[in-house]
Amino acid sequence: MSSYDMTKFSTESWENYIRVSKYNKRKIIFHPLYNKKKFVKNIYELNMHKPLDFNNLQTFNEKLNGYKANDKLMKKLAKYADKHDVREYVKEKIGSKYLIKEYFCKDKITVEDLEKLPNGFVLKTTKGSGTNFIVKDKKETDLQKVCDYMNLLTKLEYGYLHGEFMYNYGKNRIIAEELLVDDNNHIPDDLKAFCFQDNNGKKKKILYVERVIGDERARIMFDENWKPVNYDSNFDKLEENIPRPQNLKKIVEIMDTLSDDFNFVRVDLFVLNNRIYFGELTFIPTAGYLKFTNPEHDLEWGSFIGDNKQEFVK
């Protein structure tokens, strides 16, 4: 689940994404002078307006795009990036009590499937990003349109949009989860952390709270002791005093455990009534195009990530 509900994206928008992904897939597979590496390089340069040298990956964004070009790594990461399959990893690492209740995981859904769910629930596809559909009141929702919308999204091979190829391994399915809301029926803020580990095993975490304001997302960042840190980017800054979580020590401990096997991963959690819930693991946030206001921060973050060919640390 994520508080960022992407249902504002129309069916027409997603159909266009599906067409783009199919076009990119055909070009990568069948064009004699094109391949995944060239695709990653071209789309990076288009988005970041500077060259990408795979032999000299220095910045945060460069290293994330290096992930994309590593087929072996993409295949390894597939099960952790899948929003259903990752649950087994979470159970092994921290226990099932941190998992949001999952009602089903299906290749395709029907109105009858949704009628069996509680009045409020969350739907999402297991592959990709931005496909959440939040239903707060089933009685006020056109369930057939919801089914048509979600079933359409399973046709999207998300990895061929930005080169996040780990999303193309396995089947794209639909899961239904419990809707987390507070006493005011508000969805809790996203509590996330960029978790870094260098080649010597030295770790660093940058936590942040993310909130939807209108059609945009705003963030405020903290170190592990909840001291604000400034890494401004193309995301709006959340101008609000966010109190230190009472269970911050446990939150950081969970983030540390879930990120221990990787050079870099973003760990997403929710905290509701002091209870911690796992959200997801994200290996290439913002598709590797985070636009820092200060370019030196891109280089600084890159120095936190081990450069051993973007493989697992352990």
C-alpha atoms as a PDB file:
ATOM      1  CA  MET A   1       0.000   0.000   0.000  1.00  0.00           C
ATOM      2  CA  SER A   2       1.058   3.564  -0.512  1.00  0.00           C
ATOM      3  CA  SER A   3      -0.674   6.772   0.410  1.00  0.00           C
ATOM      4  CA  TYR A   4       0.040   7.946  -3.126  1.00  0.00           C
ATOM      5  CA  ASP A   5      -3.054   6.797  -5.003  1.00  0.00           C
ATOM      6  CA  MET A   6      -2.432   6.777  -8.748  1.00  0.00           C
ATOM      7  CA  THR A   7      -6.066   6.409  -9.803  1.00  0.00           C
ATOM      8  CA  LYS A   8      -5.883   9.958 -11.166  1.00  0.00           C
ATOM      9  CA  PHE A   9      -4.086   8.321 -14.102  1.00  0.00           C
ATOM     10  CA  SER A  10      -6.736   7.551 -16.678  1.00  0.00           C
ATOM     11  CA  THR A  11      -7.147   4.264 -18.494  1.00  0.00           C
ATOM     12  CA  GLU A  12      -6.053   6.111 -21.627  1.00  0.00           C
ATOM     13  CA  SER A  13      -2.766   7.094 -19.933  1.00  0.00           C
ATOM     14  CA  TRP A  14      -2.013   3.511 -18.944  1.00  0.00           C
ATOM     15  CA  GLU A  15      -2.915   2.247 -22.415  1.00  0.00           C
ATOM     16  CA  ASN A  16      -0.331   4.657 -23.790  1.00  0.00           C
ATOM     17  CA  TYR A  17       2.269   3.335 -21.323  1.00  0.00           C
ATOM     18  CA  ILE A  18       1.480  -0.201 -22.468  1.00  0.00           C
ATOM     19  CA  ARG A  19       2.034   0.822 -26.091  1.00  0.00           C
ATOM     20  CA  VAL A  20       5.335   2.495 -25.210  1.00  0.00           C
ATOM     21  CA  SER A  21       6.538  -0.529 -23.241  1.00  0.00           C
ATOM     22  CA  LYS A  22       5.696  -2.876 -26.123  1.00  0.00           C
ATOM     23  CA  TYR A  23       7.484  -0.621 -28.602  1.00  0.00           C
ATOM     24  CA  ASN A  24      10.604  -0.472 -26.417  1.00  0.00           C
ATOM     25  CA  LYS A  25      10.511  -4.241 -25.901  1.00  0.00           C
ATOM     26  CA  ARG A  26      10.345  -4.930 -29.647  1.00  0.00           C
ATOM     27  CA  LYS A  27      13.188  -2.514 -30.339  1.00  0.00           C
ATOM     28  CA  ILE A  28      15.415  -3.998 -27.631  1.00  0.00           C
ATOM     29  CA  ILE A  29      14.753  -7.588 -28.705  1.00  0.00           C
ATOM     30  CA  PHE A  30      14.701  -7.298 -32.487  1.00  0.00           C
ATOM     31  CA  HIS A  31      16.753  -4.261 -33.507  1.00  0.00           C
ATOM     32  CA  PRO A  32      20.205  -5.569 -34.568  1.00  0.00           C
ATOM     33  CA  LEU A  33      22.062  -2.486 -33.276  1.00  0.00           C
ATOM     34  CA  TYR A  34      20.115  -1.956 -30.055  1.00  0.00           C
ATOM     35  CA  ASN A  35      20.026  -3.669 -26.642  1.00  0.00           C
ATOM     36  CA  LYS A  36      19.115  -3.092 -22.987  1.00  0.00           C
ATOM     37  CA  LYS A  37      22.342  -1.279 -22.220  1.00  0.00           C
ATOM     38  CA  LYS A  38      21.862   1.201 -25.044  1.00  0.00           C
ATOM     39  CA  PHE A  39      18.252   1.707 -23.990  1.00  0.00           C
ATOM     40  CA  VAL A  40      19.285   2.493 -20.404  1.00  0.00           C
ATOM     41  CA  LYS A  41      21.983   4.883 -21.600  1.00  0.00           C
ATOM     42  CA  ASN A  42      19.669   6.689 -24.012  1.00  0.00           C
ATOM     43  CA  ILE A  43      16.788   7.123 -21.588  1.00  0.00           C
ATOM     44  CA  TYR A  44      19.126   8.261 -18.800  1.00  0.00           C
ATOM     45  CA  GLU A  45      20.636  10.916 -21.016  1.00  0.00           C
ATOM     46  CA  LEU A  46      17.177  11.990 -22.145  1.00  0.00           C
ATOM     47  CA  ASN A  47      15.988  12.423 -18.550  1.00  0.00           C
ATOM     48  CA  MET A  48      19.146  13.736 -16.894  1.00  0.00           C
ATOM     49  CA  HIS A  49      20.605  15.724 -19.817  1.00  0.00           C
ATOM     50  CA  LYS A  50      24.128  14.397 -19.356  1.00  0.00           C
ATOM     51  CA  PRO A  51      26.108  11.373 -20.559  1.00  0.00           C
ATOM     52  CA  LEU A  52      26.224   8.018 -18.788  1.00  0.00           C
ATOM     53  CA  ASP A  53      29.504   6.092 -18.688  1.00  0.00           C
ATOM     54  CA  PHE A  54      29.004   2.523 -17.490  1.00  0.00           C
ATOM     55  CA  ASN A  55      32.741   2.248 -16.871  1.00  0.00           C
ATOM     56  CA  ASN A  56      32.740   5.172 -14.442  1.00  0.00           C
ATOM     57  CA  LEU A  57      29.570   5.131 -12.317  1.00  0.00           C
ATOM     58  CA  GLN A  58      30.007   7.714  -9.578  1.00  0.00           C
ATOM     59  CA  THR A  59      26.726   9.382  -8.647  1.00  0.00           C
ATOM     60  CA  PHE A  60      23.631   7.934  -7.004  1.00  0.00           C
ATOM     61  CA  ASN A  61      21.630   8.087 -10.225  1.00  0.00           C
ATOM     62  CA  GLU A  62      24.470   6.662 -12.302  1.00  0.00           C
ATOM     63  CA  LYS A  63      24.852   3.663 -10.006  1.00  0.00           C
ATOM     64  CA  LEU A  64      21.119   2.947 -10.050  1.00  0.00           C
ATOM     65  CA  ASN A  65      21.202   2.972 -13.840  1.00  0.00           C
ATOM     66  CA  GLY A  66      24.173   0.633 -13.627  1.00  0.00           C
ATOM     67  CA  TYR A  67      21.817  -1.760 -11.822  1.00  0.00           C
ATOM     68  CA  LYS A  68      19.505  -1.708 -14.845  1.00  0.00           C
ATOM     69  CA  ALA A  69      22.253  -2.757 -17.227  1.00  0.00           C
ATOM     70  CA  ASN A  70      23.250  -5.731 -15.048  1.00  0.00           C
ATOM     71  CA  ASP A  71      21.063  -8.614 -16.258  1.00  0.00           C
ATOM     72  CA  LYS A  72      22.293 -10.968 -13.540  1.00  0.00           C
ATOM     73  CA  LEU A  73      21.341  -8.504 -10.822  1.00  0.00           C
ATOM     74  CA  MET A  74      17.965  -7.697 -12.388  1.00  0.00           C
ATOM     75  CA  LYS A  75      17.061 -11.375 -12.322  1.00  0.00           C
ATOM     76  CA  LYS A  76      18.157 -11.694  -8.681  1.00  0.00           C
ATOM     77  CA  LEU A  77      16.169  -8.664  -7.584  1.00  0.00           C
ATOM     78  CA  ALA A  78      12.949  -9.798  -9.255  1.00  0.00           C
ATOM     79  CA  LYS A  79      11.568 -11.696  -6.251  1.00  0.00           C
ATOM     80  CA  TYR A  80      12.324  -8.844  -3.865  1.00  0.00           C
ATOM     81  CA  ALA A  81      10.750  -6.230  -6.145  1.00  0.00           C
ATOM     82  CA  ASP A  82       7.572  -8.312  -6.554  1.00  0.00           C
ATOM     83  CA  LYS A  83       5.064  -7.000  -4.012  1.00  0.00           C
ATOM     84  CA  HIS A  84       3.694 -10.479  -3.267  1.00  0.00           C
ATOM     85  CA  ASP A  85       6.839 -12.603  -3.439  1.00  0.00           C
ATOM     86  CA  VAL A  86       8.783 -10.237  -1.149  1.00  0.00           C
ATOM     87  CA  ARG A  87       6.500 -11.198   1.717  1.00  0.00           C
ATOM     88  CA  GLU A  88       8.406 -14.465   2.169  1.00  0.00           C
ATOM     89  CA  TYR A  89      11.656 -12.531   2.514  1.00  0.00           C
ATOM     90  CA  VAL A  90      10.079 -10.237   5.102  1.00  0.00           C
ATOM     91  CA  LYS A  91       8.790 -13.231   7.072  1.00  0.00           C
ATOM     92  CA  GLU A  92      12.273 -14.727   7.139  1.00  0.00           C
ATOM     93  CA  LYS A  93      13.997 -11.488   8.131  1.00  0.00           C
ATOM     94  CA  ILE A  94      11.638  -9.847  10.640  1.00  0.00           C
ATOM     95  CA  GLY A  95       8.527 -12.035  10.978  1.00  0.00           C
ATOM     96  CA  SER A  96       5.016 -12.033   9.550  1.00  0.00           C
ATOM     97  CA  LYS A  97       3.612  -9.683  12.218  1.00  0.00           C
ATOM     98  CA  TYR A  98       4.919  -6.710  10.204  1.00  0.00           C
ATOM     99  CA  LEU A  99       3.063  -7.672   7.024  1.00  0.00           C
ATOM    100  CA  ILE A 100      -0.134  -5.913   5.966  1.00  0.00           C
ATOM    101  CA  LYS A 101      -2.955  -8.435   5.642  1.00  0.00           C
ATOM    102  CA  GLU A 102      -3.224  -9.728   2.079  1.00  0.00           C
ATOM    103  CA  TYR A 103      -6.680 -10.882   0.952  1.00  0.00           C
ATOM    104  CA  PHE A 104      -5.691 -12.423  -2.379  1.00  0.00           C
ATOM    105  CA  CYS A 105      -3.142 -12.509  -5.196  1.00  0.00           C
ATOM    106  CA  LYS A 106      -4.682 -13.218  -8.618  1.00  0.00           C
ATOM    107  CA  ASP A 107      -3.793 -13.077 -12.295  1.00  0.00           C
ATOM    108  CA  LYS A 108      -7.124 -11.388 -13.026  1.00  0.00           C
ATOM    109  CA  ILE A 109      -9.913 -10.072 -10.801  1.00  0.00           C
ATOM    110  CA  THR A 110     -13.700 -10.003 -11.050  1.00  0.00           C
ATOM    111  CA  VAL A 111     -16.472  -8.083  -9.348  1.00  0.00           C
ATOM    112  CA  GLU A 112     -17.192 -11.194  -7.302  1.00  0.00           C
ATOM    113  CA  ASP A 113     -13.639 -11.090  -5.934  1.00  0.00           C
ATOM    114  CA  LEU A 114     -14.089  -7.499  -4.768  1.00  0.00           C
ATOM    115  CA  GLU A 115     -17.532  -8.127  -3.294  1.00  0.00           C
ATOM    116  CA  LYS A 116     -15.929 -10.574  -0.861  1.00  0.00           C
ATOM    117  CA  LEU A 117     -13.555  -7.905   0.463  1.00  0.00           C
ATOM    118  CA  PRO A 118     -14.208  -5.479   3.339  1.00  0.00           C
ATOM    119  CA  ASN A 119     -15.710  -2.089   2.532  1.00  0.00           C
ATOM    120  CA  GLY A 120     -12.225  -0.528   2.308  1.00  0.00           C
ATOM    121  CA  PHE A 121      -9.180  -2.127   0.687  1.00  0.00           C
ATOM    122  CA  VAL A 122      -6.150  -1.482  -1.523  1.00  0.00           C
ATOM    123  CA  LEU A 123      -5.429  -3.042  -4.905  1.00  0.00           C
ATOM    124  CA  LYS A 124      -2.037  -3.011  -6.588  1.00  0.00           C
ATOM    125  CA  THR A 125      -0.119  -4.901  -9.224  1.00  0.00           C
ATOM    126  CA  THR A 126       2.817  -6.976  -8.085  1.00  0.00           C
ATOM    127  CA  LYS A 127       5.191  -5.507 -10.681  1.00  0.00           C
ATOM    128  CA  GLY A 128       6.056  -1.876 -11.195  1.00  0.00           C
ATOM    129  CA  SER A 129       5.218   1.400  -9.518  1.00  0.00           C
ATOM    130  CA  GLY A 130       2.269   3.746  -9.278  1.00  0.00           C
ATOM    131  CA  THR A 131      -0.473   1.156  -9.806  1.00  0.00           C
ATOM    132  CA  ASN A 132      -2.234   1.422  -6.448  1.00  0.00           C
ATOM    133  CA  PHE A 133      -6.006   1.714  -6.322  1.00  0.00           C
ATOM    134  CA  ILE A 134      -7.361   2.733  -2.931  1.00  0.00           C
ATOM    135  CA  VAL A 135     -11.000   1.987  -2.196  1.00  0.00           C
ATOM    136  CA  LYS A 136     -12.298   3.621   0.978  1.00  0.00           C
ATOM    137  CA  ASP A 137     -15.989   2.877   0.405  1.00  0.00           C
ATOM    138  CA  LYS A 138     -16.865  -0.116  -1.734  1.00  0.00           C
ATOM    139  CA  LYS A 139     -20.540   0.822  -1.760  1.00  0.00           C
ATOM    140  CA  GLU A 140     -19.722   4.080  -3.557  1.00  0.00           C
ATOM    141  CA  THR A 141     -17.366   2.490  -6.098  1.00  0.00           C
ATOM    142  CA  ASP A 142     -18.031   1.094  -9.562  1.00  0.00           C
ATOM    143  CA  LEU A 143     -16.437  -2.310  -9.007  1.00  0.00           C
ATOM    144  CA  GLN A 144     -16.565  -3.327 -12.677  1.00  0.00           C
ATOM    145  CA  LYS A 145     -14.561  -0.248 -13.650  1.00  0.00           C
ATOM    146  CA  VAL A 146     -12.069  -1.055 -10.902  1.00  0.00           C
ATOM    147  CA  CYS A 147     -11.653  -4.580 -12.262  1.00  0.00           C
ATOM    148  CA  ASP A 148     -11.245  -3.358 -15.841  1.00  0.00           C
ATOM    149  CA  TYR A 149      -8.677  -0.808 -14.685  1.00  0.00           C
ATOM    150  CA  MET A 150      -6.568  -3.229 -12.642  1.00  0.00           C
ATOM    151  CA  ASN A 151      -6.755  -6.031 -15.217  1.00  0.00           C
ATOM    152  CA  LEU A 152      -5.486  -3.588 -17.823  1.00  0.00           C
ATOM    153  CA  LEU A 153      -2.455  -2.763 -15.664  1.00  0.00           C
ATOM    154  CA  THR A 154      -1.331  -6.394 -15.607  1.00  0.00           C
ATOM    155  CA  LYS A 155      -0.613  -6.069 -19.338  1.00  0.00           C
ATOM    156  CA  LEU A 156       2.037  -3.432 -18.667  1.00  0.00           C
ATOM    157  CA  GLU A 157       5.618  -4.743 -18.803  1.00  0.00           C
ATOM    158  CA  TYR A 158       6.836  -1.988 -16.543  1.00  0.00           C
ATOM    159  CA  GLY A 159      10.520  -2.722 -16.979  1.00  0.00           C
ATOM    160  CA  TYR A 160      10.423  -1.599 -20.590  1.00  0.00           C
ATOM    161  CA  LEU A 161       9.345   1.923 -19.637  1.00  0.00           C
ATOM    162  CA  HIS A 162      12.518   3.037 -17.819  1.00  0.00           C
ATOM    163  CA  GLY A 163      14.774  -0.021 -17.887  1.00  0.00           C
ATOM    164  CA  GLU A 164      13.831  -1.426 -14.460  1.00  0.00           C
ATOM    165  CA  PHE A 165      14.010  -4.904 -15.951  1.00  0.00           C
ATOM    166  CA  MET A 166      13.593  -6.803 -12.663  1.00  0.00           C
ATOM    167  CA  TYR A 167       9.861  -6.094 -13.045  1.00  0.00           C
ATOM    168  CA  ASN A 168       9.698  -8.175 -16.233  1.00  0.00           C
ATOM    169  CA  TYR A 169      10.588 -11.488 -14.571  1.00  0.00           C
ATOM    170  CA  GLY A 170       7.554 -13.528 -13.577  1.00  0.00           C
ATOM    171  CA  LYS A 171       3.870 -12.784 -13.966  1.00  0.00           C
ATOM    172  CA  ASN A 172       2.326  -9.421 -13.163  1.00  0.00           C
ATOM    173  CA  ARG A 173      -0.564 -10.144 -10.789  1.00  0.00           C
ATOM    174  CA  ILE A 174      -3.072  -8.205  -8.692  1.00  0.00           C
ATOM    175  CA  ILE A 175      -3.083  -8.252  -4.909  1.00  0.00           C
ATOM    176  CA  ALA A 176      -5.664  -6.940  -2.478  1.00  0.00           C
ATOM    177  CA  GLU A 177      -4.534  -5.708   0.925  1.00  0.00           C
ATOM    178  CA  GLU A 178      -6.039  -4.327   4.092  1.00  0.00           C
ATOM    179  CA  LEU A 179      -6.596  -0.559   4.010  1.00  0.00           C
ATOM    180  CA  LEU A 180      -4.704   1.114   6.846  1.00  0.00           C
ATOM    181  CA  VAL A 181      -6.458   4.208   8.192  1.00  0.00           C
ATOM    182  CA  ASP A 182      -6.284   6.155  11.437  1.00  0.00           C
ATOM    183  CA  ASP A 183      -9.177   7.222  13.666  1.00  0.00           C
ATOM    184  CA  ASN A 184      -9.930  10.077  11.245  1.00  0.00           C
ATOM    185  CA  ASN A 185     -10.054   7.700   8.283  1.00  0.00           C
ATOM    186  CA  HIS A 186      -6.752   9.092   6.967  1.00  0.00           C
ATOM    187  CA  ILE A 187      -4.123   6.902   5.366  1.00  0.00           C
ATOM    188  CA  PRO A 188      -0.827   7.118   7.293  1.00  0.00           C
ATOM    189  CA  ASP A 189       2.149   8.928   5.802  1.00  0.00           C
ATOM    190  CA  ASP A 190       4.774   6.884   4.006  1.00  0.00           C
ATOM    191  CA  LEU A 191       7.861   6.409   6.172  1.00  0.00           C
ATOM    192  CA  LYS A 192      10.770   5.424   3.969  1.00  0.00           C
ATOM    193  CA  ALA A 193      14.535   5.141   4.129  1.00  0.00           C
ATOM    194  CA  PHE A 194      17.279   5.176   1.549  1.00  0.00           C
ATOM    195  CA  CYS A 195      19.554   2.424   2.899  1.00  0.00           C
ATOM    196  CA  PHE A 196      23.153   2.410   1.694  1.00  0.00           C
ATOM    197  CA  GLN A 197      26.045   0.004   2.239  1.00  0.00           C
ATOM    198  CA  ASP A 198      29.551   0.384   0.848  1.00  0.00           C
ATOM    199  CA  ASN A 199      32.073  -2.305  -0.039  1.00  0.00           C
ATOM    200  CA  ASN A 200      33.412  -2.329   3.523  1.00  0.00           C
ATOM    201  CA  GLY A 201      29.990  -2.947   5.029  1.00  0.00           C
ATOM    202  CA  LYS A 202      29.600   0.623   6.306  1.00  0.00           C
ATOM    203  CA  LYS A 203      25.920   1.534   6.401  1.00  0.00           C
ATOM    204  CA  LYS A 204      24.052   4.817   6.156  1.00  0.00           C
ATOM    205  CA  LYS A 205      20.342   5.595   6.174  1.00  0.00           C
ATOM    206  CA  ILE A 206      18.411   8.680   5.152  1.00  0.00           C
ATOM    207  CA  LEU A 207      14.847   8.486   6.416  1.00  0.00           C
ATOM    208  CA  TYR A 208      11.990  10.546   5.097  1.00  0.00           C
ATOM    209  CA  VAL A 209       8.294  11.109   5.523  1.00  0.00           C
ATOM    210  CA  GLU A 210       6.303  11.510   2.325  1.00  0.00           C
ATOM    211  CA  ARG A 211       2.819  12.960   2.047  1.00  0.00           C
ATOM    212  CA  VAL A 212       0.470  13.631  -0.831  1.00  0.00           C
ATOM    213  CA  ILE A 213      -0.505  17.297  -1.117  1.00  0.00           C
ATOM    214  CA  GLY A 214      -2.915  17.849  -3.962  1.00  0.00           C
ATOM    215  CA  ASP A 215      -1.427  16.076  -6.971  1.00  0.00           C
ATOM    216  CA  GLU A 216       2.146  16.261  -5.713  1.00  0.00           C
ATOM    217  CA  ARG A 217       4.293  14.462  -3.171  1.00  0.00           C
ATOM    218  CA  ALA A 218       6.189  16.368  -0.494  1.00  0.00           C
ATOM    219  CA  ARG A 219       9.072  15.039   1.613  1.00  0.00           C
ATOM    220  CA  ILE A 220      11.025  15.867   4.707  1.00  0.00           C
ATOM    221  CA  MET A 221      14.264  13.983   5.386  1.00  0.00           C
ATOM    222  CA  PHE A 222      15.962  12.903   8.612  1.00  0.00           C
ATOM    223  CA  ASP A 223      19.047  11.047   9.743  1.00  0.00           C
ATOM    224  CA  GLU A 224      18.736   7.937  11.898  1.00  0.00           C
ATOM    225  CA  ASN A 225      18.342  10.102  15.026  1.00  0.00           C
ATOM    226  CA  TRP A 226      15.487  12.085  13.472  1.00  0.00           C
ATOM    227  CA  LYS A 227      17.593  15.176  12.887  1.00  0.00           C
ATOM    228  CA  PRO A 228      16.427  16.975   9.693  1.00  0.00           C
ATOM    229  CA  VAL A 229      18.850  16.808   6.764  1.00  0.00           C
ATOM    230  CA  ASN A 230      18.690  18.850   3.573  1.00  0.00           C
ATOM    231  CA  TYR A 231      18.879  17.006   0.277  1.00  0.00           C
ATOM    232  CA  ASP A 232      16.529  19.072  -1.870  1.00  0.00           C
ATOM    233  CA  SER A 233      15.357  17.621  -5.169  1.00  0.00           C
ATOM    234  CA  ASN A 234      12.502  17.846  -7.641  1.00  0.00           C
ATOM    235  CA  PHE A 235      10.135  16.769  -4.844  1.00  0.00           C
ATOM    236  CA  ASP A 236       8.462  19.498  -2.823  1.00  0.00           C
ATOM    237  CA  LYS A 237       9.684  19.956   0.731  1.00  0.00           C
ATOM    238  CA  LEU A 238       7.199  19.064   3.437  1.00  0.00           C
ATOM    239  CA  GLU A 239       7.068  22.203   5.572  1.00  0.00           C
ATOM    240  CA  GLU A 240       5.736  20.657   8.732  1.00  0.00           C
ATOM    241  CA  ASN A 241       7.068  19.578  12.091  1.00  0.00           C
ATOM    242  CA  ILE A 242       6.914  15.800  12.016  1.00  0.00           C
ATOM    243  CA  PRO A 243       7.351  14.428  15.537  1.00  0.00           C
ATOM    244  CA  ARG A 244       9.956  11.770  16.185  1.00  0.00           C
ATOM    245  CA  PRO A 245       8.256   8.332  16.192  1.00  0.00           C
ATOM    246  CA  GLN A 246       8.079   6.797  19.644  1.00  0.00           C
ATOM    247  CA  ASN A 247       9.428   3.529  18.264  1.00  0.00           C
ATOM    248  CA  LEU A 248      12.161   5.064  16.087  1.00  0.00           C
ATOM    249  CA  LYS A 249      14.798   2.663  17.409  1.00  0.00           C
ATOM    250  CA  LYS A 250      12.723  -0.320  16.302  1.00  0.00           C
ATOM    251  CA  ILE A 251      11.938   1.308  12.941  1.00  0.00           C
ATOM    252  CA  VAL A 252      15.630   1.810  12.213  1.00  0.00           C
ATOM    253  CA  GLU A 253      16.383  -1.725  13.361  1.00  0.00           C
ATOM    254  CA  ILE A 254      13.816  -3.138  10.925  1.00  0.00           C
ATOM    255  CA  MET A 255      15.138  -0.984   8.086  1.00  0.00           C
ATOM    256  CA  ASP A 256      18.648  -2.175   8.878  1.00  0.00           C
ATOM    257  CA  THR A 257      17.626  -5.837   8.840  1.00  0.00           C
ATOM    258  CA  LEU A 258      15.647  -5.615   5.605  1.00  0.00           C
ATOM    259  CA  SER A 259      18.441  -3.755   3.801  1.00  0.00           C
ATOM    260  CA  ASP A 260      21.353  -5.818   5.101  1.00  0.00           C
ATOM    261  CA  ASP A 261      21.700  -7.980   1.981  1.00  0.00           C
ATOM    262  CA  PHE A 262      21.987  -5.135  -0.520  1.00  0.00           C
ATOM    263  CA  ASN A 263      24.332  -2.329  -1.519  1.00  0.00           C
ATOM    264  CA  PHE A 264      21.299  -0.098  -1.821  1.00  0.00           C
ATOM    265  CA  VAL A 265      17.558  -0.403  -1.314  1.00  0.00           C
ATOM    266  CA  ARG A 266      14.757   1.867  -0.220  1.00  0.00           C
ATOM    267  CA  VAL A 267      12.727   0.338   2.596  1.00  0.00           C
ATOM    268  CA  ASP A 268       9.114   1.537   2.858  1.00  0.00           C
ATOM    269  CA  LEU A 269       7.154   1.239   6.091  1.00  0.00           C
ATOM    270  CA  PHE A 270       3.972   2.542   7.672  1.00  0.00           C
ATOM    271  CA  VAL A 271       3.428   3.343  11.324  1.00  0.00           C
ATOM    272  CA  LEU A 272      -0.137   3.358  12.641  1.00  0.00           C
ATOM    273  CA  ASN A 273      -0.906   3.606  16.350  1.00  0.00           C
ATOM    274  CA  ASN A 274       2.764   2.808  17.032  1.00  0.00           C
ATOM    275  CA  ARG A 275       2.501  -0.443  15.091  1.00  0.00           C
ATOM    276  CA  ILE A 276       4.979  -0.903  12.244  1.00  0.00           C
ATOM    277  CA  TYR A 277       3.923  -2.320   8.868  1.00  0.00           C
ATOM    278  CA  PHE A 278       6.097  -3.296   5.924  1.00  0.00           C
ATOM    279  CA  GLY A 279       5.310  -1.567   2.625  1.00  0.00           C
ATOM    280  CA  GLU A 280       7.784  -2.653  -0.052  1.00  0.00           C
ATOM    281  CA  LEU A 281      11.416  -2.736  -1.159  1.00  0.00           C
ATOM    282  CA  THR A 282      12.398  -0.396  -3.985  1.00  0.00           C
ATOM    283  CA  PHE A 283      15.752  -0.767  -5.693  1.00  0.00           C
ATOM    284  CA  ILE A 284      15.594   2.015  -8.294  1.00  0.00           C
ATOM    285  CA  PRO A 285      13.528   4.869  -6.799  1.00  0.00           C
ATOM    286  CA  THR A 286      12.314   7.545  -9.227  1.00  0.00           C
ATOM    287  CA  ALA A 287      13.592   5.166 -11.935  1.00  0.00           C
ATOM    288  CA  GLY A 288      17.114   6.436 -11.270  1.00  0.00           C
ATOM    289  CA  TYR A 289      16.342  10.040 -12.218  1.00  0.00           C
ATOM    290  CA  LEU A 290      16.239  11.848  -8.867  1.00  0.00           C
ATOM    291  CA  LYS A 291      17.043  15.459  -9.696  1.00  0.00           C
ATOM    292  CA  PHE A 292      18.994  16.957  -6.793  1.00  0.00           C
ATOM    293  CA  THR A 293      18.980  20.735  -6.455  1.00  0.00           C
ATOM    294  CA  ASN A 294      22.677  20.482  -5.582  1.00  0.00           C
ATOM    295  CA  PRO A 295      24.471  18.085  -7.977  1.00  0.00           C
ATOM    296  CA  GLU A 296      27.098  17.426  -5.299  1.00  0.00           C
ATOM    297  CA  HIS A 297      24.454  15.545  -3.319  1.00  0.00           C
ATOM    298  CA  ASP A 298      24.051  13.122  -6.220  1.00  0.00           C
ATOM    299  CA  LEU A 299      27.779  12.427  -6.002  1.00  0.00           C
ATOM    300  CA  GLU A 300      27.687  12.200  -2.190  1.00  0.00           C
ATOM    301  CA  TRP A 301      24.896   9.629  -2.224  1.00  0.00           C
ATOM    302  CA  GLY A 302      26.764   7.669  -4.873  1.00  0.00           C
ATOM    303  CA  SER A 303      29.753   7.417  -2.532  1.00  0.00           C
ATOM    304  CA  PHE A 304      27.552   5.637   0.037  1.00  0.00           C
ATOM    305  CA  ILE A 305      26.842   2.732  -2.360  1.00  0.00           C
ATOM    306  CA  GLY A 306      29.255  -0.136  -2.847  1.00  0.00           C
ATOM    307  CA  ASP A 307      30.554  -0.293  -6.402  1.00  0.00           C
ATOM    308  CA  ASN A 308      31.283  -4.001  -6.595  1.00  0.00           C
ATOM    309  CA  LYS A 309      29.398  -4.374  -9.884  1.00  0.00           C
ATOM    310  CA  GLN A 310      26.101  -3.713  -8.095  1.00  0.00           C
ATOM    311  CA  GLU A 311      25.956  -7.260  -6.786  1.00  0.00           C
ATOM    312  CA  PHE A 312      24.634  -8.384  -3.415  1.00  0.00           C
ATOM    313  CA  VAL A 313      26.909  -7.578  -0.542  1.00  0.00           C
ATOM    314  CA  LYS A 314      26.202 -10.972   0.985  1.00  0.00           C
END
